[in-house]
Amino acid sequence: MYQHFNWGKLLIYIGLTITVLGLIITTIDINFSWFGNLPGDIKINNENFKLFFPLTSMIIVTIVLNLIIYIIRLFF
């Protein structure tokens, strides 16, 4: 039998997860100064030109988001 996917529940779970993570980050003093300064993040500073391209940081964010989505899909 065809089972209908409930997008509303997914959005509620994502919202609750983001809220809990936000509360954890604001209450516990977590230092994320290393993020954006990883090896592979491109920084070019000239007199009239600044370029910041966080390549490695974006790869890490992509991997973490893909893992989260994979885990959520296991439960639905």
N, C-alpha and C. Protein backbone atom coordinates (compact mmCIF):
# COMPACT_ATOMS: atom_id res chain seq x y z
N MET A 1 0.83 -1.17 0.00
CA MET A 1 0.00 0.00 0.00
C MET A 1 0.88 1.25 0.00
N TYR A 2 0.46 2.25 -0.73
CA TYR A 2 1.21 3.50 -0.84
C TYR A 2 1.11 4.28 0.46
N GLN A 3 2.27 4.74 0.95
CA GLN A 3 2.31 5.50 2.19
C GLN A 3 2.67 6.94 1.88
N HIS A 4 1.87 7.88 2.38
CA HIS A 4 2.06 9.29 2.10
C HIS A 4 3.11 9.87 3.06
N PHE A 5 4.08 10.61 2.51
CA PHE A 5 5.13 11.24 3.32
C PHE A 5 4.56 12.51 3.94
N ASN A 6 4.79 12.69 5.24
CA ASN A 6 4.24 13.83 5.96
C ASN A 6 5.31 14.93 6.08
N TRP A 7 5.21 15.93 5.21
CA TRP A 7 6.17 17.02 5.20
C TRP A 7 6.04 17.90 6.44
N GLY A 8 4.84 18.02 6.98
CA GLY A 8 4.64 18.84 8.15
C GLY A 8 5.43 18.34 9.35
N LYS A 9 5.40 17.03 9.58
CA LYS A 9 6.17 16.46 10.69
C LYS A 9 7.67 16.67 10.49
N LEU A 10 8.13 16.51 9.26
CA LEU A 10 9.55 16.71 8.98
C LEU A 10 9.97 18.13 9.29
N LEU A 11 9.17 19.12 8.86
CA LEU A 11 9.50 20.52 9.13
C LEU A 11 9.47 20.83 10.62
N ILE A 12 8.54 20.22 11.36
CA ILE A 12 8.49 20.42 12.81
C ILE A 12 9.74 19.84 13.45
N TYR A 13 10.15 18.64 13.05
CA TYR A 13 11.35 18.02 13.61
C TYR A 13 12.60 18.84 13.30
N ILE A 14 12.69 19.34 12.08
CA ILE A 14 13.85 20.15 11.71
C ILE A 14 13.86 21.45 12.53
N GLY A 15 12.70 22.08 12.69
CA GLY A 15 12.62 23.29 13.49
C GLY A 15 12.98 23.06 14.94
N LEU A 16 12.49 21.96 15.51
CA LEU A 16 12.83 21.65 16.89
C LEU A 16 14.32 21.35 17.05
N THR A 17 14.90 20.67 16.08
CA THR A 17 16.32 20.36 16.13
C THR A 17 17.15 21.64 16.07
N ILE A 18 16.79 22.55 15.18
CA ILE A 18 17.51 23.81 15.07
C ILE A 18 17.36 24.62 16.35
N THR A 19 16.16 24.61 16.94
CA THR A 19 15.94 25.34 18.19
C THR A 19 16.80 24.78 19.31
N VAL A 20 16.83 23.45 19.44
CA VAL A 20 17.63 22.82 20.49
C VAL A 20 19.12 23.11 20.27
N LEU A 21 19.59 23.01 19.04
CA LEU A 21 20.99 23.31 18.76
C LEU A 21 21.31 24.77 19.07
N GLY A 22 20.40 25.67 18.74
CA GLY A 22 20.60 27.08 19.05
C GLY A 22 20.68 27.33 20.55
N LEU A 23 19.81 26.67 21.31
CA LEU A 23 19.86 26.81 22.76
C LEU A 23 21.16 26.25 23.34
N ILE A 24 21.60 25.13 22.81
CA ILE A 24 22.84 24.53 23.29
C ILE A 24 24.02 25.45 22.99
N ILE A 25 24.06 25.99 21.80
CA ILE A 25 25.18 26.85 21.40
C ILE A 25 25.20 28.14 22.22
N THR A 26 24.01 28.70 22.53
CA THR A 26 23.99 29.95 23.28
C THR A 26 24.24 29.75 24.77
N THR A 27 23.86 28.61 25.32
CA THR A 27 24.05 28.40 26.76
C THR A 27 25.44 27.87 27.08
N ILE A 28 25.97 27.02 26.24
CA ILE A 28 27.31 26.48 26.45
C ILE A 28 28.27 27.32 25.61
N ASP A 29 29.35 27.75 26.21
CA ASP A 29 30.31 28.60 25.49
C ASP A 29 31.16 27.73 24.57
N ILE A 30 30.66 27.54 23.35
CA ILE A 30 31.37 26.75 22.35
C ILE A 30 32.10 27.71 21.42
N ASN A 31 33.37 27.49 21.23
CA ASN A 31 34.19 28.37 20.42
C ASN A 31 34.31 27.79 19.01
N PHE A 32 33.68 28.46 18.05
CA PHE A 32 33.74 28.02 16.66
C PHE A 32 34.71 28.87 15.84
N SER A 33 35.73 29.44 16.48
CA SER A 33 36.66 30.30 15.76
C SER A 33 37.50 29.52 14.75
N TRP A 34 37.61 28.21 14.94
CA TRP A 34 38.38 27.39 14.00
C TRP A 34 37.63 27.21 12.69
N PHE A 35 36.29 27.34 12.76
CA PHE A 35 35.48 27.13 11.56
C PHE A 35 35.63 28.32 10.64
N GLY A 36 36.01 28.07 9.41
CA GLY A 36 36.30 29.14 8.45
C GLY A 36 37.78 29.42 8.36
N ASN A 37 38.56 28.83 9.24
CA ASN A 37 40.01 28.98 9.20
C ASN A 37 40.70 27.64 9.01
N LEU A 38 40.02 26.74 8.37
CA LEU A 38 40.57 25.40 8.15
C LEU A 38 41.55 25.41 6.98
N PRO A 39 42.46 24.43 6.95
CA PRO A 39 43.31 24.30 5.77
C PRO A 39 42.44 24.00 4.54
N GLY A 40 42.62 24.72 3.51
CA GLY A 40 41.80 24.55 2.31
C GLY A 40 40.81 25.68 2.13
N ASP A 41 40.57 26.47 3.17
CA ASP A 41 39.74 27.67 3.03
C ASP A 41 40.61 28.75 2.38
N ILE A 42 40.10 29.32 1.31
CA ILE A 42 40.89 30.24 0.50
C ILE A 42 40.67 31.67 0.99
N LYS A 43 41.76 32.35 1.33
CA LYS A 43 41.72 33.75 1.74
C LYS A 43 42.76 34.52 0.95
N ILE A 44 42.31 35.55 0.26
CA ILE A 44 43.21 36.42 -0.48
C ILE A 44 42.94 37.85 -0.03
N ASN A 45 43.95 38.51 0.52
CA ASN A 45 43.83 39.89 0.97
C ASN A 45 44.85 40.75 0.23
N ASN A 46 44.35 41.64 -0.60
CA ASN A 46 45.19 42.63 -1.27
C ASN A 46 44.75 44.01 -0.79
N GLU A 47 45.36 45.05 -1.32
CA GLU A 47 45.00 46.40 -0.92
C GLU A 47 43.54 46.73 -1.23
N ASN A 48 43.11 46.43 -2.44
CA ASN A 48 41.76 46.80 -2.88
C ASN A 48 40.85 45.60 -3.08
N PHE A 49 41.27 44.44 -2.66
CA PHE A 49 40.50 43.24 -2.96
C PHE A 49 40.62 42.25 -1.82
N LYS A 50 39.48 41.72 -1.39
CA LYS A 50 39.47 40.67 -0.38
C LYS A 50 38.59 39.55 -0.88
N LEU A 51 39.09 38.33 -0.77
CA LEU A 51 38.34 37.15 -1.18
C LEU A 51 38.42 36.12 -0.07
N PHE A 52 37.26 35.62 0.32
CA PHE A 52 37.20 34.55 1.30
C PHE A 52 36.28 33.48 0.74
N PHE A 53 36.82 32.30 0.49
CA PHE A 53 36.06 31.19 -0.06
C PHE A 53 36.30 29.98 0.83
N PRO A 54 35.36 29.69 1.75
CA PRO A 54 35.56 28.61 2.73
C PRO A 54 35.29 27.23 2.12
N LEU A 55 36.18 26.77 1.29
CA LEU A 55 35.98 25.52 0.57
C LEU A 55 35.89 24.32 1.51
N THR A 56 36.86 24.16 2.39
CA THR A 56 36.87 23.03 3.31
C THR A 56 35.70 23.10 4.28
N SER A 57 35.39 24.29 4.76
CA SER A 57 34.26 24.45 5.68
C SER A 57 32.95 24.07 4.99
N MET A 58 32.78 24.44 3.73
CA MET A 58 31.56 24.09 3.00
C MET A 58 31.46 22.58 2.79
N ILE A 59 32.58 21.92 2.55
CA ILE A 59 32.58 20.47 2.39
C ILE A 59 32.15 19.80 3.70
N ILE A 60 32.65 20.29 4.82
CA ILE A 60 32.27 19.72 6.12
C ILE A 60 30.79 19.94 6.39
N VAL A 61 30.28 21.14 6.11
CA VAL A 61 28.85 21.41 6.31
C VAL A 61 28.02 20.49 5.42
N THR A 62 28.42 20.28 4.19
CA THR A 62 27.69 19.41 3.28
C THR A 62 27.66 17.98 3.79
N ILE A 63 28.79 17.48 4.27
CA ILE A 63 28.83 16.12 4.79
C ILE A 63 27.94 15.97 6.01
N VAL A 64 27.99 16.94 6.92
CA VAL A 64 27.16 16.87 8.13
C VAL A 64 25.68 16.94 7.77
N LEU A 65 25.29 17.84 6.88
CA LEU A 65 23.89 17.94 6.47
C LEU A 65 23.42 16.67 5.77
N ASN A 66 24.27 16.08 4.94
CA ASN A 66 23.89 14.83 4.28
C ASN A 66 23.71 13.71 5.29
N LEU A 67 24.55 13.65 6.31
CA LEU A 67 24.39 12.64 7.36
C LEU A 67 23.09 12.85 8.13
N ILE A 68 22.77 14.09 8.44
CA ILE A 68 21.53 14.39 9.15
C ILE A 68 20.32 13.99 8.31
N ILE A 69 20.34 14.33 7.04
CA ILE A 69 19.23 13.97 6.16
C ILE A 69 19.12 12.45 6.02
N TYR A 70 20.24 11.77 5.94
CA TYR A 70 20.23 10.31 5.85
C TYR A 70 19.61 9.69 7.10
N ILE A 71 19.98 10.21 8.27
CA ILE A 71 19.44 9.68 9.52
C ILE A 71 17.94 9.97 9.61
N ILE A 72 17.51 11.18 9.20
CA ILE A 72 16.08 11.50 9.23
C ILE A 72 15.31 10.57 8.30
N ARG A 73 15.85 10.29 7.12
CA ARG A 73 15.15 9.43 6.17
C ARG A 73 15.05 7.99 6.65
N LEU A 74 15.96 7.57 7.54
CA LEU A 74 15.86 6.23 8.10
C LEU A 74 14.62 6.05 8.96
N PHE A 75 14.19 7.14 9.60
CA PHE A 75 13.04 7.06 10.49
C PHE A 75 11.71 7.28 9.78
N PHE A 76 11.71 7.72 8.54
CA PHE A 76 10.46 7.95 7.81
C PHE A 76 10.25 6.91 6.76
